[in-house]
Amino acid sequence: MARRCEISGKGPMSGNNVSHANNKTKRRFLPNLRSVKITLEDGTTRRVKMSAKELRTLKKKG
């Protein structure tokens, strides 16, 4: 399963977990994906995985 937004292309980022002793270990920041049904121009519906930010933008723009 690809953890990628189908609208914006947003995917996982990498970084470090930093402990109190300043030890660094690698970690992944995953996008906040939601599975939603959207209606296309021709009237058909399709299930897509999109980030929560893009879902919010889609609701705002209509």
PDB file of N, CA and C in Angstrom:
ATOM      1  N   MET A   1       0.841  -1.173   0.000  1.00  0.00           N
ATOM      2  CA  MET A   1       0.000   0.000   0.000  1.00  0.00           C
ATOM      3  C   MET A   1       0.889   1.239   0.000  1.00  0.00           C
ATOM      4  N   ALA A   2       0.730   2.054  -1.018  1.00  0.00           N
ATOM      5  CA  ALA A   2       1.523   3.273  -1.102  1.00  0.00           C
ATOM      6  C   ALA A   2       0.906   4.340  -0.213  1.00  0.00           C
ATOM      7  N   ARG A   3       1.697   4.895   0.680  1.00  0.00           N
ATOM      8  CA  ARG A   3       1.203   5.954   1.559  1.00  0.00           C
ATOM      9  C   ARG A   3       1.444   7.291   0.869  1.00  0.00           C
ATOM     10  N   ARG A   4       0.646   7.553  -0.144  1.00  0.00           N
ATOM     11  CA  ARG A   4       0.813   8.753  -0.944  1.00  0.00           C
ATOM     12  C   ARG A   4      -0.556   9.331  -1.274  1.00  0.00           C
ATOM     13  N   CYS A   5      -0.674  10.645  -1.178  1.00  0.00           N
ATOM     14  CA  CYS A   5      -1.917  11.337  -1.515  1.00  0.00           C
ATOM     15  C   CYS A   5      -2.067  11.345  -3.040  1.00  0.00           C
ATOM     16  N   GLU A   6      -3.249  10.919  -3.524  1.00  0.00           N
ATOM     17  CA  GLU A   6      -3.465  10.861  -4.969  1.00  0.00           C
ATOM     18  C   GLU A   6      -3.712  12.236  -5.572  1.00  0.00           C
ATOM     19  N   ILE A   7      -4.037  13.225  -4.760  1.00  0.00           N
ATOM     20  CA  ILE A   7      -4.304  14.573  -5.258  1.00  0.00           C
ATOM     21  C   ILE A   7      -3.023  15.407  -5.281  1.00  0.00           C
ATOM     22  N   SER A   8      -2.350  15.504  -4.134  1.00  0.00           N
ATOM     23  CA  SER A   8      -1.190  16.379  -4.032  1.00  0.00           C
ATOM     24  C   SER A   8       0.139  15.652  -4.214  1.00  0.00           C
ATOM     25  N   GLY A   9       0.147  14.320  -4.106  1.00  0.00           N
ATOM     26  CA  GLY A   9       1.385  13.567  -4.221  1.00  0.00           C
ATOM     27  C   GLY A   9       2.212  13.553  -2.953  1.00  0.00           C
ATOM     28  N   LYS A  10       1.617  14.019  -1.855  1.00  0.00           N
ATOM     29  CA  LYS A  10       2.316  14.079  -0.571  1.00  0.00           C
ATOM     30  C   LYS A  10       2.605  12.665  -0.082  1.00  0.00           C
ATOM     31  N   GLY A  11       3.836  12.407   0.369  1.00  0.00           N
ATOM     32  CA  GLY A  11       4.236  11.082   0.829  1.00  0.00           C
ATOM     33  C   GLY A  11       4.983  11.152   2.140  1.00  0.00           C
ATOM     34  N   PRO A  12       5.552  10.024   2.585  1.00  0.00           N
ATOM     35  CA  PRO A  12       6.274  10.008   3.854  1.00  0.00           C
ATOM     36  C   PRO A  12       7.542  10.867   3.806  1.00  0.00           C
ATOM     37  N   MET A  13       7.863  11.461   4.962  1.00  0.00           N
ATOM     38  CA  MET A  13       9.104  12.194   5.124  1.00  0.00           C
ATOM     39  C   MET A  13       9.931  11.458   6.174  1.00  0.00           C
ATOM     40  N   SER A  14      11.220  11.732   6.214  1.00  0.00           N
ATOM     41  CA  SER A  14      12.064  11.081   7.213  1.00  0.00           C
ATOM     42  C   SER A  14      12.685  12.133   8.110  1.00  0.00           C
ATOM     43  N   GLY A  15      13.031  11.687   9.319  1.00  0.00           N
ATOM     44  CA  GLY A  15      13.644  12.586  10.286  1.00  0.00           C
ATOM     45  C   GLY A  15      14.221  11.778  11.422  1.00  0.00           C
ATOM     46  N   ASN A  16      14.402  12.405  12.554  1.00  0.00           N
ATOM     47  CA  ASN A  16      14.998  11.748  13.711  1.00  0.00           C
ATOM     48  C   ASN A  16      14.077  11.802  14.916  1.00  0.00           C
ATOM     49  N   ASN A  17      14.044  10.694  15.686  1.00  0.00           N
ATOM     50  CA  ASN A  17      13.556  10.734  17.055  1.00  0.00           C
ATOM     51  C   ASN A  17      14.727  11.224  17.888  1.00  0.00           C
ATOM     52  N   VAL A  18      14.511  12.226  18.715  1.00  0.00           N
ATOM     53  CA  VAL A  18      15.583  12.753  19.546  1.00  0.00           C
ATOM     54  C   VAL A  18      15.203  12.542  20.999  1.00  0.00           C
ATOM     55  N   SER A  19      16.000  11.767  21.715  1.00  0.00           N
ATOM     56  CA  SER A  19      15.727  11.481  23.117  1.00  0.00           C
ATOM     57  C   SER A  19      16.211  12.626  24.006  1.00  0.00           C
ATOM     58  N   HIS A  20      15.897  12.503  25.286  1.00  0.00           N
ATOM     59  CA  HIS A  20      16.337  13.505  26.247  1.00  0.00           C
ATOM     60  C   HIS A  20      17.872  13.540  26.335  1.00  0.00           C
ATOM     61  N   ALA A  21      18.508  12.381  26.088  1.00  0.00           N
ATOM     62  CA  ALA A  21      19.976  12.302  26.091  1.00  0.00           C
ATOM     63  C   ALA A  21      20.565  12.684  24.732  1.00  0.00           C
ATOM     64  N   ASN A  22      19.729  13.202  23.859  1.00  0.00           N
ATOM     65  CA  ASN A  22      20.113  13.664  22.523  1.00  0.00           C
ATOM     66  C   ASN A  22      20.587  12.522  21.615  1.00  0.00           C
ATOM     67  N   ASN A  23      20.117  11.286  21.883  1.00  0.00           N
ATOM     68  CA  ASN A  23      20.361  10.177  20.957  1.00  0.00           C
ATOM     69  C   ASN A  23      19.397  10.317  19.792  1.00  0.00           C
ATOM     70  N   LYS A  24      19.895  10.075  18.586  1.00  0.00           N
ATOM     71  CA  LYS A  24      19.060  10.233  17.403  1.00  0.00           C
ATOM     72  C   LYS A  24      18.881   8.893  16.702  1.00  0.00           C
ATOM     73  N   THR A  25      17.633   8.535  16.429  1.00  0.00           N
ATOM     74  CA  THR A  25      17.310   7.338  15.647  1.00  0.00           C
ATOM     75  C   THR A  25      16.356   7.759  14.540  1.00  0.00           C
ATOM     76  N   LYS A  26      16.438   7.088  13.407  1.00  0.00           N
ATOM     77  CA  LYS A  26      15.619   7.448  12.258  1.00  0.00           C
ATOM     78  C   LYS A  26      14.149   7.125  12.507  1.00  0.00           C
ATOM     79  N   ARG A  27      13.267   7.953  11.950  1.00  0.00           N
ATOM     80  CA  ARG A  27      11.836   7.718  12.016  1.00  0.00           C
ATOM     81  C   ARG A  27      11.192   8.224  10.734  1.00  0.00           C
ATOM     82  N   ARG A  28       9.922   7.888  10.555  1.00  0.00           N
ATOM     83  CA  ARG A  28       9.177   8.354   9.377  1.00  0.00           C
ATOM     84  C   ARG A  28       7.985   9.181   9.816  1.00  0.00           C
ATOM     85  N   PHE A  29       7.753  10.282   9.118  1.00  0.00           N
ATOM     86  CA  PHE A  29       6.565  11.096   9.317  1.00  0.00           C
ATOM     87  C   PHE A  29       5.602  10.728   8.193  1.00  0.00           C
ATOM     88  N   LEU A  30       4.487  10.059   8.537  1.00  0.00           N
ATOM     89  CA  LEU A  30       3.531   9.622   7.533  1.00  0.00           C
ATOM     90  C   LEU A  30       2.454  10.684   7.321  1.00  0.00           C
ATOM     91  N   PRO A  31       1.967  10.852   6.083  1.00  0.00           N
ATOM     92  CA  PRO A  31       0.894  11.818   5.845  1.00  0.00           C
ATOM     93  C   PRO A  31      -0.420  11.316   6.444  1.00  0.00           C
ATOM     94  N   ASN A  32      -1.281  12.244   6.797  1.00  0.00           N
ATOM     95  CA  ASN A  32      -2.575  11.924   7.401  1.00  0.00           C
ATOM     96  C   ASN A  32      -3.563  11.607   6.279  1.00  0.00           C
ATOM     97  N   LEU A  33      -3.571  10.340   5.820  1.00  0.00           N
ATOM     98  CA  LEU A  33      -4.390   9.947   4.676  1.00  0.00           C
ATOM     99  C   LEU A  33      -5.784   9.522   5.101  1.00  0.00           C
ATOM    100  N   ARG A  34      -6.759   9.879   4.274  1.00  0.00           N
ATOM    101  CA  ARG A  34      -8.151   9.498   4.466  1.00  0.00           C
ATOM    102  C   ARG A  34      -8.648   8.890   3.166  1.00  0.00           C
ATOM    103  N   SER A  35      -9.470   7.868   3.270  1.00  0.00           N
ATOM    104  CA  SER A  35     -10.078   7.250   2.093  1.00  0.00           C
ATOM    105  C   SER A  35     -11.475   7.835   1.928  1.00  0.00           C
ATOM    106  N   VAL A  36     -11.697   8.565   0.835  1.00  0.00           N
ATOM    107  CA  VAL A  36     -12.973   9.246   0.612  1.00  0.00           C
ATOM    108  C   VAL A  36     -13.493   8.941  -0.781  1.00  0.00           C
ATOM    109  N   LYS A  37     -14.816   9.056  -0.939  1.00  0.00           N
ATOM    110  CA  LYS A  37     -15.440   8.926  -2.251  1.00  0.00           C
ATOM    111  C   LYS A  37     -15.642  10.316  -2.815  1.00  0.00           C
ATOM    112  N   ILE A  38     -15.192  10.531  -4.056  1.00  0.00           N
ATOM    113  CA  ILE A  38     -15.418  11.814  -4.708  1.00  0.00           C
ATOM    114  C   ILE A  38     -16.215  11.567  -5.979  1.00  0.00           C
ATOM    115  N   THR A  39     -17.015  12.556  -6.366  1.00  0.00           N
ATOM    116  CA  THR A  39     -17.814  12.468  -7.580  1.00  0.00           C
ATOM    117  C   THR A  39     -17.073  13.200  -8.693  1.00  0.00           C
ATOM    118  N   LEU A  40     -16.856  12.503  -9.803  1.00  0.00           N
ATOM    119  CA  LEU A  40     -16.144  13.084 -10.936  1.00  0.00           C
ATOM    120  C   LEU A  40     -17.094  13.902 -11.805  1.00  0.00           C
ATOM    121  N   GLU A  41     -16.552  14.571 -12.835  1.00  0.00           N
ATOM    122  CA  GLU A  41     -17.349  15.441 -13.701  1.00  0.00           C
ATOM    123  C   GLU A  41     -18.434  14.677 -14.452  1.00  0.00           C
ATOM    124  N   ASP A  42     -18.146  13.406 -14.824  1.00  0.00           N
ATOM    125  CA  ASP A  42     -19.127  12.637 -15.596  1.00  0.00           C
ATOM    126  C   ASP A  42     -20.180  11.963 -14.708  1.00  0.00           C
ATOM    127  N   GLY A  43     -20.176  12.249 -13.402  1.00  0.00           N
ATOM    128  CA  GLY A  43     -21.196  11.726 -12.503  1.00  0.00           C
ATOM    129  C   GLY A  43     -20.830  10.434 -11.793  1.00  0.00           C
ATOM    130  N   THR A  44     -19.703   9.819 -12.148  1.00  0.00           N
ATOM    131  CA  THR A  44     -19.301   8.580 -11.490  1.00  0.00           C
ATOM    132  C   THR A  44     -18.570   8.908 -10.184  1.00  0.00           C
ATOM    133  N   THR A  45     -18.592   7.957  -9.258  1.00  0.00           N
ATOM    134  CA  THR A  45     -17.879   8.145  -7.996  1.00  0.00           C
ATOM    135  C   THR A  45     -16.651   7.260  -7.989  1.00  0.00           C
ATOM    136  N   ARG A  46     -15.636   7.724  -7.284  1.00  0.00           N
ATOM    137  CA  ARG A  46     -14.383   6.992  -7.197  1.00  0.00           C
ATOM    138  C   ARG A  46     -13.822   7.136  -5.795  1.00  0.00           C
ATOM    139  N   ARG A  47     -13.247   6.065  -5.266  1.00  0.00           N
ATOM    140  CA  ARG A  47     -12.638   6.103  -3.944  1.00  0.00           C
ATOM    141  C   ARG A  47     -11.156   6.449  -4.105  1.00  0.00           C
ATOM    142  N   VAL A  48     -10.724   7.500  -3.427  1.00  0.00           N
ATOM    143  CA  VAL A  48      -9.335   7.940  -3.494  1.00  0.00           C
ATOM    144  C   VAL A  48      -8.784   8.113  -2.089  1.00  0.00           C
ATOM    145  N   LYS A  49      -7.449   8.002  -1.970  1.00  0.00           N
ATOM    146  CA  LYS A  49      -6.765   8.290  -0.718  1.00  0.00           C
ATOM    147  C   LYS A  49      -6.188   9.687  -0.832  1.00  0.00           C
ATOM    148  N   MET A  50      -6.621  10.575   0.063  1.00  0.00           N
ATOM    149  CA  MET A  50      -6.121  11.946   0.025  1.00  0.00           C
ATOM    150  C   MET A  50      -5.761  12.389   1.438  1.00  0.00           C
ATOM    151  N   SER A  51      -4.855  13.333   1.507  1.00  0.00           N
ATOM    152  CA  SER A  51      -4.439  13.842   2.812  1.00  0.00           C
ATOM    153  C   SER A  51      -5.563  14.694   3.392  1.00  0.00           C
ATOM    154  N   ALA A  52      -5.571  14.802   4.720  1.00  0.00           N
ATOM    155  CA  ALA A  52      -6.613  15.556   5.412  1.00  0.00           C
ATOM    156  C   ALA A  52      -6.572  17.029   5.013  1.00  0.00           C
ATOM    157  N   LYS A  53      -5.385  17.549   4.730  1.00  0.00           N
ATOM    158  CA  LYS A  53      -5.268  18.950   4.317  1.00  0.00           C
ATOM    159  C   LYS A  53      -5.930  19.173   2.957  1.00  0.00           C
ATOM    160  N   GLU A  54      -5.732  18.246   2.028  1.00  0.00           N
ATOM    161  CA  GLU A  54      -6.347  18.370   0.704  1.00  0.00           C
ATOM    162  C   GLU A  54      -7.865  18.199   0.791  1.00  0.00           C
ATOM    163  N   LEU A  55      -8.329  17.350   1.698  1.00  0.00           N
ATOM    164  CA  LEU A  55      -9.761  17.165   1.910  1.00  0.00           C
ATOM    165  C   LEU A  55     -10.388  18.456   2.416  1.00  0.00           C
ATOM    166  N   ARG A  56      -9.685  19.132   3.316  1.00  0.00           N
ATOM    167  CA  ARG A  56     -10.153  20.404   3.852  1.00  0.00           C
ATOM    168  C   ARG A  56     -10.203  21.476   2.744  1.00  0.00           C
ATOM    169  N   THR A  57      -9.164  21.484   1.896  1.00  0.00           N
ATOM    170  CA  THR A  57      -9.126  22.446   0.783  1.00  0.00           C
ATOM    171  C   THR A  57     -10.251  22.160  -0.205  1.00  0.00           C
ATOM    172  N   LEU A  58     -10.509  20.874  -0.473  1.00  0.00           N
ATOM    173  CA  LEU A  58     -11.568  20.483  -1.407  1.00  0.00           C
ATOM    174  C   LEU A  58     -12.929  20.913  -0.883  1.00  0.00           C
ATOM    175  N   LYS A  59     -13.167  20.770   0.423  1.00  0.00           N
ATOM    176  CA  LYS A  59     -14.437  21.199   1.009  1.00  0.00           C
ATOM    177  C   LYS A  59     -14.590  22.715   0.942  1.00  0.00           C
ATOM    178  N   LYS A  60     -13.469  23.441   1.092  1.00  0.00           N
ATOM    179  CA  LYS A  60     -13.524  24.906   1.065  1.00  0.00           C
ATOM    180  C   LYS A  60     -13.825  25.426  -0.342  1.00  0.00           C
ATOM    181  N   LYS A  61     -13.151  24.832  -1.352  1.00  0.00           N
ATOM    182  CA  LYS A  61     -13.287  25.333  -2.727  1.00  0.00           C
ATOM    183  C   LYS A  61     -14.551  24.828  -3.415  1.00  0.00           C
ATOM    184  N   GLY A  62     -15.147  23.749  -2.890  1.00  0.00           N
ATOM    185  CA  GLY A  62     -16.404  23.252  -3.440  1.00  0.00           C
ATOM    186  C   GLY A  62     -16.265  22.241  -4.522  1.00  0.00           C
TER     187      GLY A  62
END
